[in-house]
Amino acid sequence: MSTTNRHGLFLTFEGLDGCGKTTQLRLLAERLRAAGETVIQTVEPGGTSIGGAIRRILLDPANDHMGATAEMLLYFAARAQNIHEIVIPATARGEIVISDRWTDSTWAYQGFGRGLGVDVVRRLDEIACAGRKPDLTIWVDVDLETSLGRAKKRNEDEAAADRMDAQSRAFYENVREGYRRLSEEEPQRVRRVDGRGTVEQVAQRVWAVFETLESKNV
């Protein structure tokens, strides 16, 4: 595998909290680096110093009075800096950028979960991301019970919780439905990976999906 004869790649991982996407992102990045690729990992919101400051605002439990529109605009502000500072320059150099969440999270969490609608998400994405979409989005899908159970255990282990942890079950059901709808609308880009099983089993599924993208770029 080599970036010599192709433009760099922009990959994203999506899914409910606790689905295992962050672990799978790390494993894919490690495997790609072992194959000789230059891989840059980023996160949404975050990835840059400006994005990190925005992330702290968004996840602070003290900001539980934040309006849904303000929340969405802050996510896009962080994303605009990420695309400008990391994604476009790195892919232009032929490198691989992998992001933990991207606009699809806003589609699912704000568009569906908050009920703001997907049309406004699309319009803001065109502005903030200059039309740059991920080449491949891996949606690590788990059932709601597994997601909530893992997220709760993680926060107990880390003695941490953020503003998003206080959402209702109905909210997360809407979020998962948002991901499902998106995978139906863009089946070539958004690929569902079953998040059940061992970490290694899921990693093999992720790699199989990535190889289908690579075969198109040879």
Protein backbone atom coordinates (compact mmCIF):
# COMPACT_ATOMS: atom_id res chain seq x y z
CA MET A 1 0.00 0.00 0.00
CA SER A 2 1.37 3.41 -0.90
CA THR A 3 0.21 7.00 -1.24
CA THR A 4 2.70 7.58 -4.08
CA ASN A 5 0.17 7.30 -6.88
CA ARG A 6 -2.88 8.77 -5.20
CA HIS A 7 -4.12 11.79 -3.34
CA GLY A 8 -4.19 11.46 0.42
CA LEU A 9 -7.20 9.93 2.12
CA PHE A 10 -9.63 11.38 4.62
CA LEU A 11 -11.29 8.74 6.81
CA THR A 12 -13.74 9.17 9.68
CA PHE A 13 -15.16 6.95 12.41
CA GLU A 14 -18.71 7.39 13.66
CA GLY A 15 -21.10 5.81 16.13
CA LEU A 16 -22.85 6.11 19.45
CA ASP A 17 -20.83 6.83 22.58
CA GLY A 18 -19.32 3.58 23.81
CA CYS A 19 -19.46 1.85 20.42
CA GLY A 20 -15.69 1.27 20.34
CA LYS A 21 -14.91 3.60 17.42
CA THR A 22 -11.98 5.33 19.15
CA THR A 23 -10.26 1.99 19.79
CA GLN A 24 -10.88 0.89 16.21
CA LEU A 25 -9.54 4.18 14.85
CA ARG A 26 -6.34 3.70 16.83
CA LEU A 27 -5.90 0.12 15.63
CA LEU A 28 -6.44 1.08 11.99
CA ALA A 29 -3.96 3.95 12.31
CA GLU A 30 -1.36 1.62 13.82
CA ARG A 31 -1.84 -0.94 11.04
CA LEU A 32 -1.52 1.72 8.34
CA ARG A 33 1.64 3.14 9.90
CA ALA A 34 3.11 -0.34 10.06
CA ALA A 35 2.43 -0.56 6.31
CA GLY A 36 4.48 2.59 5.74
CA GLU A 37 1.72 5.19 5.59
CA THR A 38 1.87 8.64 7.19
CA VAL A 39 -1.25 8.87 9.32
CA ILE A 40 -2.57 11.88 11.21
CA GLN A 41 -5.24 11.33 13.85
CA THR A 42 -7.65 14.07 14.81
CA VAL A 43 -10.91 14.37 16.72
CA GLU A 44 -14.16 16.32 16.50
CA PRO A 45 -14.57 18.63 18.18
CA GLY A 46 -10.87 19.25 18.76
CA GLY A 47 -7.76 18.32 16.84
CA THR A 48 -6.39 21.87 16.94
CA SER A 49 -5.74 24.32 19.76
CA ILE A 50 -8.81 26.33 18.75
CA GLY A 51 -10.90 23.18 18.40
CA GLY A 52 -9.73 21.99 21.80
CA ALA A 53 -10.95 25.21 23.43
CA ILE A 54 -14.32 24.78 21.74
CA ARG A 55 -14.47 21.14 22.86
CA ARG A 56 -14.06 22.16 26.50
CA ILE A 57 -17.03 24.52 26.18
CA LEU A 58 -19.21 21.90 24.49
CA LEU A 59 -18.52 19.11 26.98
CA ASP A 60 -18.58 21.16 30.18
CA PRO A 61 -21.53 19.98 32.34
CA ALA A 62 -21.85 23.57 33.58
CA ASN A 63 -23.08 24.54 30.11
CA ASP A 64 -26.25 22.44 30.32
CA HIS A 65 -28.29 25.54 29.37
CA MET A 66 -26.64 25.76 25.95
CA GLY A 67 -29.13 26.12 23.11
CA ALA A 68 -29.22 23.50 20.35
CA THR A 69 -28.35 26.00 17.60
CA ALA A 70 -25.39 27.42 19.53
CA GLU A 71 -24.21 23.85 20.12
CA MET A 72 -24.35 23.01 16.43
CA LEU A 73 -22.53 26.18 15.36
CA LEU A 74 -19.74 25.52 17.85
CA TYR A 75 -19.24 22.04 16.40
CA PHE A 76 -18.95 23.50 12.92
CA ALA A 77 -16.54 26.22 14.11
CA ALA A 78 -14.19 23.53 15.46
CA ARG A 79 -14.61 21.55 12.24
CA ALA A 80 -13.82 24.53 10.03
CA GLN A 81 -10.49 24.98 11.83
CA ASN A 82 -9.77 21.25 11.58
CA ILE A 83 -10.38 21.20 7.84
CA HIS A 84 -8.24 24.31 7.33
CA GLU A 85 -5.37 23.39 9.63
CA ILE A 86 -5.16 19.60 9.31
CA VAL A 87 -7.31 17.83 6.71
CA ILE A 88 -6.67 19.84 3.54
CA PRO A 89 -2.88 20.32 4.03
CA ALA A 90 -2.25 16.70 5.05
CA THR A 91 -4.25 15.08 2.26
CA ALA A 92 -2.59 17.44 -0.23
CA ARG A 93 0.74 15.94 0.88
CA GLY A 94 -0.62 12.44 0.18
CA GLU A 95 -1.08 11.56 3.85
CA ILE A 96 -4.00 9.80 5.54
CA VAL A 97 -6.12 11.74 8.01
CA ILE A 98 -8.41 9.78 10.33
CA SER A 99 -10.91 11.70 12.43
CA ASP A 100 -12.85 10.51 15.46
CA ARG A 101 -16.23 11.97 14.39
CA TRP A 102 -17.05 14.53 11.68
CA THR A 103 -20.15 16.17 10.20
CA ASP A 104 -22.03 12.87 10.29
CA SER A 105 -22.08 13.20 14.08
CA THR A 106 -23.78 16.58 13.73
CA TRP A 107 -26.23 15.04 11.27
CA ALA A 108 -27.09 12.29 13.78
CA TYR A 109 -26.84 14.14 17.11
CA GLN A 110 -28.12 17.61 16.20
CA GLY A 111 -30.04 16.94 12.98
CA PHE A 112 -31.90 13.90 14.35
CA GLY A 113 -31.25 13.84 18.10
CA ARG A 114 -31.98 17.54 18.63
CA GLY A 115 -34.52 17.67 15.82
CA LEU A 116 -32.84 20.59 14.02
CA GLY A 117 -33.18 18.88 10.64
CA VAL A 118 -30.58 17.60 8.22
CA ASP A 119 -30.90 20.36 5.59
CA VAL A 120 -29.32 22.95 7.87
CA VAL A 121 -26.51 20.50 8.67
CA ARG A 122 -25.81 20.08 4.95
CA ARG A 123 -25.72 23.84 4.35
CA LEU A 124 -23.36 24.49 7.25
CA ASP A 125 -21.12 21.64 6.13
CA GLU A 126 -20.72 23.24 2.70
CA ILE A 127 -19.58 26.46 4.36
CA ALA A 128 -17.39 25.06 7.13
CA CYS A 129 -15.78 22.19 5.21
CA ALA A 130 -15.58 23.81 1.77
CA GLY A 131 -17.32 20.79 0.25
CA ARG A 132 -14.63 18.35 1.49
CA LYS A 133 -16.29 15.08 2.48
CA PRO A 134 -14.60 12.02 3.95
CA ASP A 135 -13.50 9.44 1.40
CA LEU A 136 -14.76 6.74 3.75
CA THR A 137 -16.81 6.82 6.94
CA ILE A 138 -16.84 3.75 9.15
CA TRP A 139 -19.95 3.58 11.30
CA VAL A 140 -19.31 1.22 14.23
CA ASP A 141 -22.82 0.15 15.11
CA VAL A 142 -23.89 -1.37 18.43
CA ASP A 143 -27.29 -1.64 20.06
CA LEU A 144 -28.39 1.09 22.44
CA GLU A 145 -28.07 -1.04 25.57
CA THR A 146 -24.45 -1.88 24.77
CA SER A 147 -23.64 1.75 23.98
CA LEU A 148 -25.13 3.17 27.16
CA GLY A 149 -23.64 0.41 29.31
CA ARG A 150 -20.13 0.93 27.95
CA ALA A 151 -20.36 4.71 28.23
CA LYS A 152 -21.54 4.46 31.85
CA LYS A 153 -18.74 2.06 32.77
CA ARG A 154 -16.15 4.26 31.05
CA ASN A 155 -17.26 7.30 32.99
CA GLU A 156 -17.24 5.36 36.27
CA ASP A 157 -13.73 4.09 35.55
CA GLU A 158 -12.50 7.56 34.62
CA ALA A 159 -14.54 9.36 37.30
CA ALA A 160 -15.71 11.65 34.51
CA ALA A 161 -18.89 12.66 32.81
CA ASP A 162 -19.70 15.28 30.23
CA ARG A 163 -22.76 17.24 29.17
CA MET A 164 -23.75 14.67 26.52
CA ASP A 165 -24.05 11.88 29.12
CA ALA A 166 -27.18 13.47 30.56
CA GLN A 167 -29.29 12.92 27.43
CA SER A 168 -32.39 10.75 27.39
CA ARG A 169 -32.75 7.29 25.91
CA ALA A 170 -35.10 8.69 23.25
CA PHE A 171 -32.38 11.12 22.22
CA TYR A 172 -29.91 8.29 21.56
CA GLU A 173 -32.54 6.25 19.73
CA ASN A 174 -32.97 9.21 17.37
CA VAL A 175 -29.20 9.50 16.97
CA ARG A 176 -28.87 5.85 15.97
CA GLU A 177 -31.73 6.27 13.51
CA GLY A 178 -29.84 9.23 12.04
CA TYR A 179 -26.82 7.06 11.38
CA ARG A 180 -29.00 4.37 9.83
CA ARG A 181 -30.65 6.87 7.48
CA LEU A 182 -27.28 8.30 6.49
CA SER A 183 -25.89 4.88 5.63
CA GLU A 184 -28.90 4.33 3.38
CA GLU A 185 -28.45 7.68 1.65
CA GLU A 186 -24.69 7.36 1.10
CA PRO A 187 -23.95 3.61 1.07
CA GLN A 188 -20.67 3.96 -0.83
CA ARG A 189 -19.16 6.39 1.68
CA VAL A 190 -20.84 5.43 4.98
CA ARG A 191 -20.13 1.78 5.70
CA ARG A 192 -21.69 0.05 8.68
CA VAL A 193 -19.42 -2.23 10.73
CA ASP A 194 -20.95 -4.54 13.33
CA GLY A 195 -19.44 -3.45 16.65
CA ARG A 196 -20.28 -6.71 18.45
CA GLY A 197 -17.63 -9.27 19.27
CA THR A 198 -14.02 -8.94 20.37
CA VAL A 199 -11.89 -5.91 19.59
CA GLU A 200 -9.89 -8.05 17.17
CA GLN A 201 -12.99 -9.29 15.35
CA VAL A 202 -14.28 -5.76 14.86
CA ALA A 203 -10.82 -4.63 13.73
CA GLN A 204 -10.84 -7.27 10.98
CA ARG A 205 -14.23 -6.00 9.79
CA VAL A 206 -12.88 -2.45 9.73
CA TRP A 207 -9.84 -3.52 7.73
CA ALA A 208 -12.01 -5.38 5.22
CA VAL A 209 -14.02 -2.20 4.64
CA PHE A 210 -10.86 -0.13 4.26
CA GLU A 211 -9.48 -2.55 1.67
CA THR A 212 -12.55 -1.98 -0.51
CA LEU A 213 -11.66 1.73 -0.57
CA GLU A 214 -8.03 0.99 -1.37
CA SER A 215 -8.99 -1.24 -4.28
CA LYS A 216 -10.74 1.75 -5.86
CA ASN A 217 -7.62 3.92 -5.51
CA VAL A 218 -5.10 1.53 -7.03
